[in-house]
Amino acid sequence: MPIQPDEQLSLVEHLTELRKRITWSALALAVGIVVSFVFNGVVFDLLLAPLPPSTAQITTFSPAEPFMVTLKVCAVAGAILASPYLIYQFWAFVGPGFTSTERRHFVPVVVTCSVLFLLGIAVGYLLVLPRAMEALLGINPSEAFQIELRANDYFTFVAMFLLAFGVVFELPVVLVLLAKTGVIDDRFLRKNRRFAILIGAIAAALLTPSPDAFSMLAMFLPLILLYEISIWLAKLVQPKREDDAVGEPSEGTAPPATA
């Protein structure tokens, strides 16, 4: 269970708590890796499914590459499987930094983070990755290139692609937490919408391993949609402003006369 927010911990106790969280996270990750290794055939079938049938064969160039690639793939798959528990351990460690009132939102935050992360991976895998593969591998006629995909390069590409979508979908949680703590508010988000669009475009270009326009657009549009949703959520959770409490004078209405 997470530490209660009113508990005061010394530096040594903080380090002990951090070690405990890291230990449990490492154990959960190890379990996820073992499960992925046991079902590695299913994992590899899923990762190869987005490829066109003509290029579904993967090539290795060294005796150790099949083992190393399998280990890398199982590590990423294990991290995805264990991600809800890893997210729980993270918020359990930082929980004491929040007030008792904010602490009540611990479970919804953990659930939301987990769902958004897995949703981002699902969107990347089901909607974007197959079309990205089709666009990248079909940019020129098949007779122009003899396409041979190296295992390490392909699976690294897919892992980075899916994890990038998972991380990007955490945007509403970050913005809502900042609004809840009073760092930003809905006015700030609306005022800086054009900068958010610019940053979103840059992030989509940098985080998407694929250079094709479809993949970048497929990440950019959810980013903007999540940003707009965050504006409305921020308005619901942010501390009530003083001008909201007393009511702002509407435009064109003269302020009350003073004696």
Protein backbone atom coordinates (compact mmCIF):
# COMPACT_ATOMS: atom_id res chain seq x y z
CA MET A 1 0.00 0.00 0.00
CA PRO A 2 1.22 3.56 -0.67
CA ILE A 3 2.48 5.73 2.13
CA GLN A 4 -0.06 8.03 3.71
CA PRO A 5 0.48 11.69 2.76
CA ASP A 6 0.71 12.88 6.38
CA GLU A 7 3.65 10.57 7.15
CA GLN A 8 6.97 12.36 7.51
CA LEU A 9 9.88 10.32 6.23
CA SER A 10 13.58 10.86 6.73
CA LEU A 11 16.04 10.71 3.83
CA VAL A 12 16.99 7.15 4.73
CA GLU A 13 13.32 6.16 4.87
CA HIS A 14 12.73 7.78 1.47
CA LEU A 15 15.63 5.79 0.01
CA THR A 16 14.31 2.63 1.63
CA GLU A 17 10.87 3.28 0.19
CA LEU A 18 12.39 3.95 -3.25
CA ARG A 19 14.36 0.70 -3.07
CA LYS A 20 11.19 -1.19 -2.15
CA ARG A 21 9.27 0.30 -5.08
CA ILE A 22 12.11 -0.45 -7.51
CA THR A 23 12.36 -4.03 -6.20
CA TRP A 24 8.66 -4.73 -6.63
CA SER A 25 8.71 -3.07 -10.07
CA ALA A 26 11.69 -5.19 -11.12
CA LEU A 27 9.88 -8.35 -9.96
CA ALA A 28 6.75 -7.38 -11.90
CA LEU A 29 8.87 -6.66 -14.96
CA ALA A 30 10.61 -10.03 -14.58
CA VAL A 31 7.24 -11.80 -14.43
CA GLY A 32 6.11 -9.94 -17.56
CA ILE A 33 9.31 -10.92 -19.39
CA VAL A 34 8.93 -14.58 -18.40
CA VAL A 35 5.30 -14.63 -19.58
CA SER A 36 6.33 -12.97 -22.86
CA PHE A 37 9.14 -15.48 -23.31
CA VAL A 38 6.80 -18.43 -22.72
CA PHE A 39 4.40 -17.05 -25.33
CA ASN A 40 7.10 -15.55 -27.58
CA GLY A 41 5.58 -17.25 -30.62
CA VAL A 42 2.36 -15.30 -30.13
CA VAL A 43 4.32 -12.08 -29.47
CA PHE A 44 6.35 -12.44 -32.67
CA ASP A 45 3.24 -13.27 -34.70
CA LEU A 46 1.59 -10.09 -33.43
CA LEU A 47 4.64 -7.96 -34.23
CA LEU A 48 5.01 -9.41 -37.73
CA ALA A 49 1.30 -9.07 -38.55
CA PRO A 50 1.53 -5.39 -39.70
CA LEU A 51 4.01 -6.35 -42.44
CA PRO A 52 2.79 -6.90 -46.01
CA PRO A 53 2.72 -10.63 -46.87
CA SER A 54 5.56 -10.24 -49.37
CA THR A 55 7.97 -8.92 -46.71
CA ALA A 56 6.91 -10.93 -43.67
CA GLN A 57 10.26 -12.76 -43.59
CA ILE A 58 12.83 -11.38 -41.11
CA THR A 59 16.59 -11.80 -41.61
CA THR A 60 19.34 -12.18 -39.00
CA PHE A 61 23.05 -11.61 -39.63
CA SER A 62 24.77 -13.29 -36.68
CA PRO A 63 24.35 -16.46 -34.61
CA ALA A 64 23.53 -14.47 -31.47
CA GLU A 65 21.03 -12.12 -33.09
CA PRO A 66 17.94 -14.37 -32.77
CA PHE A 67 18.54 -14.74 -29.02
CA MET A 68 19.30 -11.05 -28.45
CA VAL A 69 16.31 -9.92 -30.48
CA THR A 70 14.04 -12.36 -28.63
CA LEU A 71 15.34 -11.02 -25.32
CA LYS A 72 14.73 -7.42 -26.41
CA VAL A 73 11.24 -8.14 -27.70
CA CYS A 74 10.28 -10.03 -24.52
CA ALA A 75 11.63 -7.16 -22.39
CA VAL A 76 9.43 -4.62 -24.19
CA ALA A 77 6.41 -6.93 -24.19
CA GLY A 78 6.98 -7.67 -20.49
CA ALA A 79 7.12 -3.95 -19.70
CA ILE A 80 3.82 -3.42 -21.52
CA LEU A 81 2.20 -6.31 -19.66
CA ALA A 82 3.47 -5.01 -16.32
CA SER A 83 2.78 -1.34 -17.10
CA PRO A 84 -0.33 -1.00 -14.87
CA TYR A 85 1.61 -2.28 -11.87
CA LEU A 86 4.67 -0.17 -12.73
CA ILE A 87 2.46 2.90 -12.96
CA TYR A 88 0.92 2.01 -9.60
CA GLN A 89 4.37 1.77 -7.98
CA PHE A 90 5.36 5.16 -9.38
CA TRP A 91 2.28 6.93 -8.02
CA ALA A 92 2.55 5.06 -4.71
CA PHE A 93 6.05 6.48 -4.28
CA VAL A 94 5.16 10.10 -5.16
CA GLY A 95 1.82 9.93 -3.30
CA PRO A 96 3.12 11.40 -0.01
CA GLY A 97 3.88 14.63 -1.87
CA PHE A 98 0.16 15.28 -2.30
CA THR A 99 -2.38 16.48 0.25
CA SER A 100 -4.97 14.24 1.88
CA THR A 101 -7.66 15.62 -0.44
CA GLU A 102 -5.56 15.02 -3.56
CA ARG A 103 -4.68 11.57 -2.24
CA ARG A 104 -8.26 10.46 -2.77
CA HIS A 105 -7.69 10.58 -6.52
CA PHE A 106 -4.85 8.02 -6.34
CA VAL A 107 -6.81 5.06 -7.74
CA PRO A 108 -8.50 7.01 -10.59
CA VAL A 109 -5.12 8.46 -11.63
CA VAL A 110 -3.47 5.03 -11.69
CA VAL A 111 -6.34 3.52 -13.66
CA THR A 112 -6.46 6.44 -16.09
CA CYS A 113 -2.70 6.35 -16.70
CA SER A 114 -2.79 2.61 -17.34
CA VAL A 115 -5.79 2.79 -19.67
CA LEU A 116 -4.38 5.71 -21.66
CA PHE A 117 -0.97 4.06 -22.02
CA LEU A 118 -2.46 0.80 -23.27
CA LEU A 119 -4.94 2.69 -25.46
CA GLY A 120 -2.08 4.58 -27.10
CA ILE A 121 -0.26 1.32 -27.84
CA ALA A 122 -3.46 -0.20 -29.25
CA VAL A 123 -4.06 2.80 -31.53
CA GLY A 124 -0.46 2.69 -32.74
CA TYR A 125 -0.58 -1.06 -33.40
CA LEU A 126 -4.05 -1.42 -34.92
CA LEU A 127 -4.50 1.83 -36.84
CA VAL A 128 -1.12 3.35 -37.59
CA LEU A 129 1.62 0.69 -37.79
CA PRO A 130 0.12 -1.41 -40.64
CA ARG A 131 -0.39 1.67 -42.81
CA ALA A 132 3.05 2.98 -41.93
CA MET A 133 4.63 -0.32 -43.02
CA GLU A 134 2.62 -0.30 -46.22
CA ALA A 135 3.66 3.27 -46.99
CA LEU A 136 7.34 2.79 -46.17
CA LEU A 137 7.81 -0.54 -47.96
CA GLY A 138 5.61 0.35 -50.94
CA ILE A 139 7.10 3.76 -51.71
CA ASN A 140 8.80 2.33 -54.82
CA PRO A 141 7.95 -0.60 -57.12
CA SER A 142 9.04 -3.96 -55.73
CA GLU A 143 11.47 -4.49 -58.59
CA ALA A 144 13.42 -1.38 -57.57
CA PHE A 145 14.51 -2.86 -54.23
CA GLN A 146 15.14 -6.29 -52.82
CA ILE A 147 13.56 -5.75 -49.42
CA GLU A 148 15.12 -7.72 -46.58
CA LEU A 149 14.25 -6.62 -43.07
CA ARG A 150 16.85 -7.18 -40.36
CA ALA A 151 15.30 -8.52 -37.17
CA ASN A 152 17.03 -6.14 -34.77
CA ASP A 153 16.18 -3.04 -36.84
CA TYR A 154 12.56 -4.00 -37.43
CA PHE A 155 11.65 -4.96 -33.87
CA THR A 156 13.46 -1.92 -32.45
CA PHE A 157 11.46 0.25 -34.85
CA VAL A 158 8.16 -1.36 -33.80
CA ALA A 159 8.98 -1.12 -30.07
CA MET A 160 9.85 2.59 -30.28
CA PHE A 161 6.79 3.22 -32.44
CA LEU A 162 4.34 1.63 -29.99
CA LEU A 163 5.95 3.02 -26.83
CA ALA A 164 5.89 6.53 -28.34
CA PHE A 165 2.12 6.28 -28.83
CA GLY A 166 1.69 4.97 -25.28
CA VAL A 167 3.66 7.87 -23.77
CA VAL A 168 1.92 10.51 -25.88
CA PHE A 169 -1.50 9.37 -24.66
CA GLU A 170 -0.48 10.29 -21.09
CA LEU A 171 -0.79 14.00 -21.99
CA PRO A 172 -4.21 14.55 -20.35
CA VAL A 173 -3.00 13.13 -17.03
CA VAL A 174 -0.02 15.50 -16.97
CA LEU A 175 -2.06 18.58 -17.85
CA VAL A 176 -4.91 17.74 -15.47
CA LEU A 177 -2.50 17.19 -12.58
CA LEU A 178 -0.83 20.53 -13.31
CA ALA A 179 -4.27 22.17 -13.33
CA LYS A 180 -5.27 20.41 -10.11
CA THR A 181 -2.20 21.76 -8.33
CA GLY A 182 -2.81 25.28 -9.69
CA VAL A 183 0.29 25.43 -11.90
CA ILE A 184 -1.86 26.00 -15.01
CA ASP A 185 -5.56 26.51 -15.69
CA ASP A 186 -7.96 26.26 -18.62
CA ARG A 187 -7.31 29.89 -19.57
CA PHE A 188 -3.59 29.19 -19.87
CA LEU A 189 -4.25 26.14 -22.05
CA ARG A 190 -6.63 28.05 -24.33
CA LYS A 191 -4.30 31.04 -24.60
CA ASN A 192 -1.36 28.83 -25.58
CA ARG A 193 -3.25 26.53 -27.93
CA ARG A 194 -1.22 27.64 -30.97
CA PHE A 195 2.03 26.82 -29.15
CA ALA A 196 0.57 23.43 -28.20
CA ILE A 197 -0.18 22.75 -31.86
CA LEU A 198 3.40 23.66 -32.81
CA ILE A 199 4.89 21.52 -30.03
CA GLY A 200 2.54 18.68 -30.96
CA ALA A 201 3.72 18.78 -34.57
CA ILE A 202 7.37 18.76 -33.47
CA ALA A 203 6.74 15.92 -31.01
CA ALA A 204 4.96 13.86 -33.67
CA ALA A 205 7.91 14.35 -36.03
CA LEU A 206 10.49 13.41 -33.38
CA LEU A 207 8.71 10.60 -31.53
CA THR A 208 7.46 8.74 -34.59
CA PRO A 209 10.27 6.51 -35.89
CA SER A 210 8.58 6.41 -39.28
CA PRO A 211 9.24 9.50 -41.45
CA ASP A 212 6.05 9.14 -43.49
CA ALA A 213 3.40 11.85 -43.24
CA PHE A 214 0.61 9.42 -42.31
CA SER A 215 2.35 8.20 -39.15
CA MET A 216 3.20 11.71 -37.98
CA LEU A 217 -0.35 12.90 -38.70
CA ALA A 218 -1.76 9.86 -36.90
CA MET A 219 0.15 10.88 -33.77
CA PHE A 220 -0.42 14.61 -34.17
CA LEU A 221 -4.22 14.47 -34.40
CA PRO A 222 -4.71 12.44 -31.17
CA LEU A 223 -2.29 14.83 -29.44
CA ILE A 224 -4.43 17.83 -30.36
CA LEU A 225 -7.64 15.99 -29.46
CA LEU A 226 -6.21 15.00 -26.07
CA TYR A 227 -5.08 18.60 -25.51
CA GLU A 228 -8.62 19.88 -26.15
CA ILE A 229 -10.06 17.27 -23.78
CA SER A 230 -7.50 18.33 -21.19
CA ILE A 231 -8.75 21.92 -21.36
CA TRP A 232 -12.26 20.87 -20.30
CA LEU A 233 -10.96 18.47 -17.65
CA ALA A 234 -8.67 21.19 -16.29
CA LYS A 235 -11.66 23.49 -15.91
CA LEU A 236 -13.38 20.85 -13.77
CA VAL A 237 -10.49 20.06 -11.42
CA GLN A 238 -8.59 23.34 -11.10
CA PRO A 239 -8.86 25.37 -7.88
CA LYS A 240 -11.73 27.83 -8.07
CA ARG A 241 -10.54 31.27 -9.10
CA GLU A 242 -11.51 34.32 -7.08
CA ASP A 243 -13.05 36.02 -10.10
CA ASP A 244 -15.20 32.92 -10.69
CA ALA A 245 -16.47 33.10 -7.12
CA VAL A 246 -17.50 36.75 -7.25
CA GLY A 247 -18.41 36.78 -10.95
CA GLU A 248 -16.66 38.80 -13.62
CA PRO A 249 -18.43 41.82 -15.14
CA SER A 250 -19.52 41.00 -18.67
CA GLU A 251 -18.07 42.91 -21.62
CA GLY A 252 -19.77 46.21 -22.28
CA THR A 253 -21.05 46.45 -18.73
CA ALA A 254 -19.75 49.40 -16.75
CA PRO A 255 -18.28 48.67 -13.32
CA PRO A 256 -20.40 49.75 -10.36
CA ALA A 257 -20.10 53.43 -9.54
CA THR A 258 -18.17 54.38 -6.44
CA ALA A 259 -19.47 56.90 -3.98
